[in-house]
PDB file of all heavy atoms in Angstrom:
ATOM      1  N   ALA A   1      25.477 -24.864  26.001  1.00  0.00           N
ATOM      2  CA  ALA A   1      25.393 -23.742  25.022  1.00  0.00           C
ATOM      3  C   ALA A   1      24.170 -22.847  25.251  1.00  0.00           C
ATOM      4  O   ALA A   1      23.157 -23.347  25.847  1.00  0.00           O
ATOM      5  CB  ALA A   1      25.300 -24.440  23.637  1.00  0.00           C
ATOM      6  N   ARG A   2      24.370 -21.639  24.849  1.00  0.00           N
ATOM      7  CA  ARG A   2      23.175 -20.716  24.806  1.00  0.00           C
ATOM      8  C   ARG A   2      22.480 -20.888  23.414  1.00  0.00           C
ATOM      9  O   ARG A   2      23.072 -20.671  22.364  1.00  0.00           O
ATOM     10  CB  ARG A   2      23.650 -19.270  24.962  1.00  0.00           C
ATOM     11  CG  ARG A   2      24.283 -19.024  26.344  1.00  0.00           C
ATOM     12  CD  ARG A   2      25.182 -17.719  26.231  1.00  0.00           C
ATOM     13  NE  ARG A   2      26.314 -17.818  25.420  1.00  0.00           N
ATOM     14  CZ  ARG A   2      26.888 -16.848  24.826  1.00  0.00           C
ATOM     15  NH1 ARG A   2      26.523 -15.592  25.010  1.00  0.00           N
ATOM     16  NH2 ARG A   2      27.991 -16.993  24.133  1.00  0.00           N
ATOM     17  N   VAL A   3      21.165 -21.138  23.435  1.00  0.00           N
ATOM     18  CA  VAL A   3      20.442 -21.567  22.224  1.00  0.00           C
ATOM     19  C   VAL A   3      19.088 -20.841  22.135  1.00  0.00           C
ATOM     20  O   VAL A   3      18.350 -20.976  23.100  1.00  0.00           O
ATOM     21  CB  VAL A   3      20.351 -23.043  22.141  1.00  0.00           C
ATOM     22  CG1 VAL A   3      19.641 -23.386  20.778  1.00  0.00           C
ATOM     23  CG2 VAL A   3      21.661 -23.768  22.273  1.00  0.00           C
ATOM     24  N   ASP A   4      18.805 -20.241  21.010  1.00  0.00           N
ATOM     25  CA  ASP A   4      17.508 -19.812  20.675  1.00  0.00           C
ATOM     26  C   ASP A   4      16.931 -20.472  19.619  1.00  0.00           C
ATOM     27  O   ASP A   4      17.786 -20.981  18.682  1.00  0.00           O
ATOM     28  CB  ASP A   4      17.453 -18.265  20.506  1.00  0.00           C
ATOM     29  CG  ASP A   4      17.691 -17.438  21.768  1.00  0.00           C
ATOM     30  OD1 ASP A   4      17.170 -17.838  22.781  1.00  0.00           O
ATOM     31  OD2 ASP A   4      18.397 -16.393  21.622  1.00  0.00           O
ATOM     32  N   THR A   5      15.731 -20.558  19.308  1.00  0.00           N
ATOM     33  CA  THR A   5      15.130 -21.340  18.130  1.00  0.00           C
ATOM     34  C   THR A   5      14.087 -20.394  17.563  1.00  0.00           C
ATOM     35  O   THR A   5      13.359 -19.658  18.232  1.00  0.00           O
ATOM     36  CB  THR A   5      14.395 -22.692  18.592  1.00  0.00           C
ATOM     37  OG1 THR A   5      13.366 -22.364  19.508  1.00  0.00           O
ATOM     38  CG2 THR A   5      15.425 -23.602  19.232  1.00  0.00           C
ATOM     39  N   VAL A   6      14.117 -20.494  16.236  1.00  0.00           N
ATOM     40  CA  VAL A   6      13.051 -19.715  15.442  1.00  0.00           C
ATOM     41  C   VAL A   6      12.521 -20.596  14.330  1.00  0.00           C
ATOM     42  O   VAL A   6      13.136 -20.954  13.425  1.00  0.00           O
ATOM     43  CB  VAL A   6      13.702 -18.529  14.756  1.00  0.00           C
ATOM     44  CG1 VAL A   6      12.680 -17.652  13.891  1.00  0.00           C
ATOM     45  CG2 VAL A   6      14.451 -17.565  15.737  1.00  0.00           C
ATOM     46  N   PRO A   7      11.171 -21.002  14.448  1.00  0.00           N
ATOM     47  CA  PRO A   7      10.514 -21.684  13.382  1.00  0.00           C
ATOM     48  C   PRO A   7      10.336 -20.647  12.159  1.00  0.00           C
ATOM     49  O   PRO A   7       9.712 -19.585  12.289  1.00  0.00           O
ATOM     50  CB  PRO A   7       9.228 -22.158  13.953  1.00  0.00           C
ATOM     51  CG  PRO A   7       9.428 -21.978  15.434  1.00  0.00           C
ATOM     52  CD  PRO A   7      10.317 -20.847  15.596  1.00  0.00           C
ATOM     53  N   ALA A   8      10.699 -21.041  10.969  1.00  0.00           N
ATOM     54  CA  ALA A   8      10.662 -20.224   9.847  1.00  0.00           C
ATOM     55  C   ALA A   8      10.846 -21.019   8.588  1.00  0.00           C
ATOM     56  O   ALA A   8      11.621 -21.995   8.568  1.00  0.00           O
ATOM     57  CB  ALA A   8      11.566 -18.926   9.850  1.00  0.00           C
ATOM     58  N   ASP A   9      10.159 -20.544   7.464  1.00  0.00           N
ATOM     59  CA  ASP A   9      10.292 -21.304   6.146  1.00  0.00           C
ATOM     60  C   ASP A   9      11.030 -20.501   5.169  1.00  0.00           C
ATOM     61  O   ASP A   9      10.581 -19.357   4.876  1.00  0.00           O
ATOM     62  CB  ASP A   9       8.924 -21.643   5.679  1.00  0.00           C
ATOM     63  CG  ASP A   9       8.805 -22.531   4.460  1.00  0.00           C
ATOM     64  OD1 ASP A   9       9.915 -22.795   3.937  1.00  0.00           O
ATOM     65  OD2 ASP A   9       7.754 -22.866   4.110  1.00  0.00           O
ATOM     66  N   VAL A  10      12.196 -20.960   4.738  1.00  0.00           N
ATOM     67  CA  VAL A  10      12.976 -20.189   3.745  1.00  0.00           C
ATOM     68  C   VAL A  10      12.188 -20.042   2.452  1.00  0.00           C
ATOM     69  O   VAL A  10      12.636 -19.061   1.638  1.00  0.00           O
ATOM     70  CB  VAL A  10      14.349 -20.773   3.510  1.00  0.00           C
ATOM     71  CG1 VAL A  10      15.200 -20.895   4.680  1.00  0.00           C
ATOM     72  CG2 VAL A  10      14.228 -22.267   2.865  1.00  0.00           C
ATOM     73  N   ALA A  11      11.229 -20.788   2.146  1.00  0.00           N
ATOM     74  CA  ALA A  11      10.519 -20.702   0.944  1.00  0.00           C
ATOM     75  C   ALA A  11       9.459 -19.535   0.991  1.00  0.00           C
ATOM     76  O   ALA A  11       8.826 -19.243  -0.043  1.00  0.00           O
ATOM     77  CB  ALA A  11       9.766 -21.903   0.513  1.00  0.00           C
ATOM     78  N   ASP A  12       9.411 -18.991   2.136  1.00  0.00           N
ATOM     79  CA  ASP A  12       8.428 -17.777   2.359  1.00  0.00           C
ATOM     80  C   ASP A  12       9.192 -16.610   2.764  1.00  0.00           C
ATOM     81  O   ASP A  12       9.433 -16.307   3.987  1.00  0.00           O
ATOM     82  CB  ASP A  12       7.459 -18.127   3.425  1.00  0.00           C
ATOM     83  CG  ASP A  12       6.551 -16.969   3.837  1.00  0.00           C
ATOM     84  OD1 ASP A  12       6.498 -15.993   3.118  1.00  0.00           O
ATOM     85  OD2 ASP A  12       5.882 -17.081   4.920  1.00  0.00           O
ATOM     86  N   PRO A  13       9.813 -15.873   1.831  1.00  0.00           N
ATOM     87  CA  PRO A  13      10.715 -14.764   2.115  1.00  0.00           C
ATOM     88  C   PRO A  13      10.095 -13.679   3.023  1.00  0.00           C
ATOM     89  O   PRO A  13      10.845 -13.217   4.036  1.00  0.00           O
ATOM     90  CB  PRO A  13      11.094 -14.133   0.729  1.00  0.00           C
ATOM     91  CG  PRO A  13      10.962 -15.220  -0.289  1.00  0.00           C
ATOM     92  CD  PRO A  13       9.750 -16.020   0.343  1.00  0.00           C
ATOM     93  N   ALA A  14       8.907 -13.405   2.900  1.00  0.00           N
ATOM     94  CA  ALA A  14       8.215 -12.359   3.719  1.00  0.00           C
ATOM     95  C   ALA A  14       8.207 -12.891   5.185  1.00  0.00           C
ATOM     96  O   ALA A  14       8.477 -12.140   6.116  1.00  0.00           O
ATOM     97  CB  ALA A  14       6.887 -11.921   3.200  1.00  0.00           C
ATOM     98  N   GLY A  15       7.693 -14.110   5.308  1.00  0.00           N
ATOM     99  CA  GLY A  15       7.535 -14.599   6.594  1.00  0.00           C
ATOM    100  C   GLY A  15       8.862 -14.825   7.292  1.00  0.00           C
ATOM    101  O   GLY A  15       8.997 -14.691   8.488  1.00  0.00           O
ATOM    102  N   LEU A  16       9.864 -15.183   6.468  1.00  0.00           N
ATOM    103  CA  LEU A  16      11.250 -15.451   6.941  1.00  0.00           C
ATOM    104  C   LEU A  16      11.773 -14.164   7.527  1.00  0.00           C
ATOM    105  O   LEU A  16      12.414 -14.102   8.607  1.00  0.00           O
ATOM    106  CB  LEU A  16      12.091 -16.048   5.838  1.00  0.00           C
ATOM    107  CG  LEU A  16      13.583 -16.340   6.181  1.00  0.00           C
ATOM    108  CD1 LEU A  16      13.646 -17.532   7.051  1.00  0.00           C
ATOM    109  CD2 LEU A  16      14.419 -16.502   4.912  1.00  0.00           C
ATOM    110  N   ALA A  17      11.594 -13.038   6.763  1.00  0.00           N
ATOM    111  CA  ALA A  17      12.161 -11.745   7.219  1.00  0.00           C
ATOM    112  C   ALA A  17      11.464 -11.239   8.629  1.00  0.00           C
ATOM    113  O   ALA A  17      12.110 -10.841   9.467  1.00  0.00           O
ATOM    114  CB  ALA A  17      11.855 -10.698   6.133  1.00  0.00           C
ATOM    115  N   THR A  18      10.130 -11.574   8.711  1.00  0.00           N
ATOM    116  CA  THR A  18       9.493 -11.244   9.952  1.00  0.00           C
ATOM    117  C   THR A  18       9.937 -12.049  11.075  1.00  0.00           C
ATOM    118  O   THR A  18      10.249 -11.437  12.081  1.00  0.00           O
ATOM    119  CB  THR A  18       7.962 -11.317   9.737  1.00  0.00           C
ATOM    120  OG1 THR A  18       7.515 -10.493   8.674  1.00  0.00           O
ATOM    121  CG2 THR A  18       7.207 -11.036  11.038  1.00  0.00           C
ATOM    122  N   ALA A  19      10.070 -13.299  10.894  1.00  0.00           N
ATOM    123  CA  ALA A  19      10.523 -14.219  11.933  1.00  0.00           C
ATOM    124  C   ALA A  19      11.892 -13.927  12.475  1.00  0.00           C
ATOM    125  O   ALA A  19      12.295 -14.022  13.616  1.00  0.00           O
ATOM    126  CB  ALA A  19      10.339 -15.610  11.487  1.00  0.00           C
ATOM    127  N   LEU A  20      12.772 -13.488  11.510  1.00  0.00           N
ATOM    128  CA  LEU A  20      14.104 -13.391  11.775  1.00  0.00           C
ATOM    129  C   LEU A  20      14.504 -11.887  12.050  1.00  0.00           C
ATOM    130  O   LEU A  20      15.752 -11.664  12.394  1.00  0.00           O
ATOM    131  CB  LEU A  20      14.990 -13.814  10.694  1.00  0.00           C
ATOM    132  CG  LEU A  20      15.094 -15.361  10.393  1.00  0.00           C
ATOM    133  CD1 LEU A  20      15.956 -15.731   9.191  1.00  0.00           C
ATOM    134  CD2 LEU A  20      15.477 -16.140  11.617  1.00  0.00           C
ATOM    135  N   ALA A  21      13.570 -10.998  12.049  1.00  0.00           N
ATOM    136  CA  ALA A  21      13.974  -9.624  12.375  1.00  0.00           C
ATOM    137  C   ALA A  21      14.689  -9.392  13.674  1.00  0.00           C
ATOM    138  O   ALA A  21      15.783  -8.614  13.663  1.00  0.00           O
ATOM    139  CB  ALA A  21      12.711  -8.725  12.295  1.00  0.00           C
ATOM    140  N   PRO A  22      14.284 -10.018  14.789  1.00  0.00           N
ATOM    141  CA  PRO A  22      15.029  -9.881  15.971  1.00  0.00           C
ATOM    142  C   PRO A  22      16.533 -10.402  15.988  1.00  0.00           C
ATOM    143  O   PRO A  22      17.389  -9.851  16.611  1.00  0.00           O
ATOM    144  CB  PRO A  22      14.139 -10.504  17.052  1.00  0.00           C
ATOM    145  CG  PRO A  22      12.856 -10.573  16.448  1.00  0.00           C
ATOM    146  CD  PRO A  22      13.056 -10.759  15.034  1.00  0.00           C
ATOM    147  N   VAL A  23      16.555 -11.510  15.176  1.00  0.00           N
ATOM    148  CA  VAL A  23      17.935 -12.050  15.114  1.00  0.00           C
ATOM    149  C   VAL A  23      18.771 -11.244  14.218  1.00  0.00           C
ATOM    150  O   VAL A  23      20.061 -11.053  14.482  1.00  0.00           O
ATOM    151  CB  VAL A  23      17.870 -13.524  14.439  1.00  0.00           C
ATOM    152  CG1 VAL A  23      19.156 -14.191  14.434  1.00  0.00           C
ATOM    153  CG2 VAL A  23      16.721 -14.282  15.206  1.00  0.00           C
ATOM    154  N   VAL A  24      18.289 -10.710  13.106  1.00  0.00           N
ATOM    155  CA  VAL A  24      19.104  -9.744  12.277  1.00  0.00           C
ATOM    156  C   VAL A  24      19.620  -8.581  13.125  1.00  0.00           C
ATOM    157  O   VAL A  24      20.643  -8.103  12.920  1.00  0.00           O
ATOM    158  CB  VAL A  24      18.256  -9.306  11.018  1.00  0.00           C
ATOM    159  CG1 VAL A  24      19.006  -8.239  10.264  1.00  0.00           C
ATOM    160  CG2 VAL A  24      17.868 -10.533  10.102  1.00  0.00           C
ATOM    161  N   ALA A  25      18.688  -8.050  13.936  1.00  0.00           N
ATOM    162  CA  ALA A  25      18.943  -6.872  14.732  1.00  0.00           C
ATOM    163  C   ALA A  25      20.086  -7.139  15.805  1.00  0.00           C
ATOM    164  O   ALA A  25      20.843  -6.257  16.240  1.00  0.00           O
ATOM    165  CB  ALA A  25      17.746  -6.383  15.458  1.00  0.00           C
ATOM    166  N   ALA A  26      20.264  -8.383  16.084  1.00  0.00           N
ATOM    167  CA  ALA A  26      21.362  -8.856  17.005  1.00  0.00           C
ATOM    168  C   ALA A  26      22.748  -8.944  16.295  1.00  0.00           C
ATOM    169  O   ALA A  26      23.707  -9.052  17.017  1.00  0.00           O
ATOM    170  CB  ALA A  26      20.971 -10.138  17.651  1.00  0.00           C
ATOM    171  N   ARG A  27      22.802  -8.814  14.977  1.00  0.00           N
ATOM    172  CA  ARG A  27      23.959  -8.576  14.294  1.00  0.00           C
ATOM    173  C   ARG A  27      24.989  -9.765  14.514  1.00  0.00           C
ATOM    174  O   ARG A  27      26.063  -9.690  14.925  1.00  0.00           O
ATOM    175  CB  ARG A  27      24.686  -7.272  14.580  1.00  0.00           C
ATOM    176  CG  ARG A  27      23.780  -6.099  14.295  1.00  0.00           C
ATOM    177  CD  ARG A  27      24.505  -4.729  14.802  1.00  0.00           C
ATOM    178  NE  ARG A  27      25.673  -4.459  14.013  1.00  0.00           N
ATOM    179  CZ  ARG A  27      25.683  -3.761  12.852  1.00  0.00           C
ATOM    180  NH1 ARG A  27      24.568  -3.356  12.286  1.00  0.00           N
ATOM    181  NH2 ARG A  27      26.813  -3.473  12.367  1.00  0.00           N
ATOM    182  N   PRO A  28      24.481 -11.065  14.181  1.00  0.00           N
ATOM    183  CA  PRO A  28      25.435 -12.201  14.333  1.00  0.00           C
ATOM    184  C   PRO A  28      26.570 -12.172  13.309  1.00  0.00           C
ATOM    185  O   PRO A  28      26.311 -11.652  12.239  1.00  0.00           O
ATOM    186  CB  PRO A  28      24.463 -13.381  14.096  1.00  0.00           C
ATOM    187  CG  PRO A  28      23.420 -12.810  13.211  1.00  0.00           C
ATOM    188  CD  PRO A  28      23.210 -11.423  13.648  1.00  0.00           C
ATOM    189  N   ALA A  29      27.732 -12.644  13.702  1.00  0.00           N
ATOM    190  CA  ALA A  29      28.883 -12.575  12.887  1.00  0.00           C
ATOM    191  C   ALA A  29      28.927 -13.751  11.915  1.00  0.00           C
ATOM    192  O   ALA A  29      29.695 -13.711  10.960  1.00  0.00           O
ATOM    193  CB  ALA A  29      30.269 -12.601  13.714  1.00  0.00           C
ATOM    194  N   VAL A  30      28.251 -14.768  12.217  1.00  0.00           N
ATOM    195  CA  VAL A  30      28.245 -16.131  11.469  1.00  0.00           C
ATOM    196  C   VAL A  30      26.882 -16.453  11.116  1.00  0.00           C
ATOM    197  O   VAL A  30      26.053 -16.609  12.040  1.00  0.00           O
ATOM    198  CB  VAL A  30      28.994 -17.248  12.217  1.00  0.00           C
ATOM    199  CG1 VAL A  30      29.037 -18.479  11.280  1.00  0.00           C
ATOM    200  CG2 VAL A  30      30.401 -16.855  12.531  1.00  0.00           C
ATOM    201  N   VAL A  31      26.589 -16.750   9.797  1.00  0.00           N
ATOM    202  CA  VAL A  31      25.303 -17.335   9.394  1.00  0.00           C
ATOM    203  C   VAL A  31      25.612 -18.467   8.398  1.00  0.00           C
ATOM    204  O   VAL A  31      26.434 -18.357   7.484  1.00  0.00           O
ATOM    205  CB  VAL A  31      24.499 -16.240   8.686  1.00  0.00           C
ATOM    206  CG1 VAL A  31      23.188 -16.848   8.051  1.00  0.00           C
ATOM    207  CG2 VAL A  31      24.233 -15.091   9.614  1.00  0.00           C
ATOM    208  N   VAL A  32      24.978 -19.589   8.693  1.00  0.00           N
ATOM    209  CA  VAL A  32      25.179 -20.757   7.879  1.00  0.00           C
ATOM    210  C   VAL A  32      23.833 -21.119   7.318  1.00  0.00           C
ATOM    211  O   VAL A  32      22.759 -21.331   8.096  1.00  0.00           O
ATOM    212  CB  VAL A  32      25.678 -22.047   8.741  1.00  0.00           C
ATOM    213  CG1 VAL A  32      25.897 -23.217   7.841  1.00  0.00           C
ATOM    214  CG2 VAL A  32      27.018 -21.630   9.348  1.00  0.00           C
TER     215      VAL A  32
END
């Protein structure tokens, strides 16, 4: 499998948004 990892804390919305910005930009079709 092709796998990337991103450490981030969902209880910190601002930090979460920063950490996930490149992933959001990749436009994934499935989010769990």
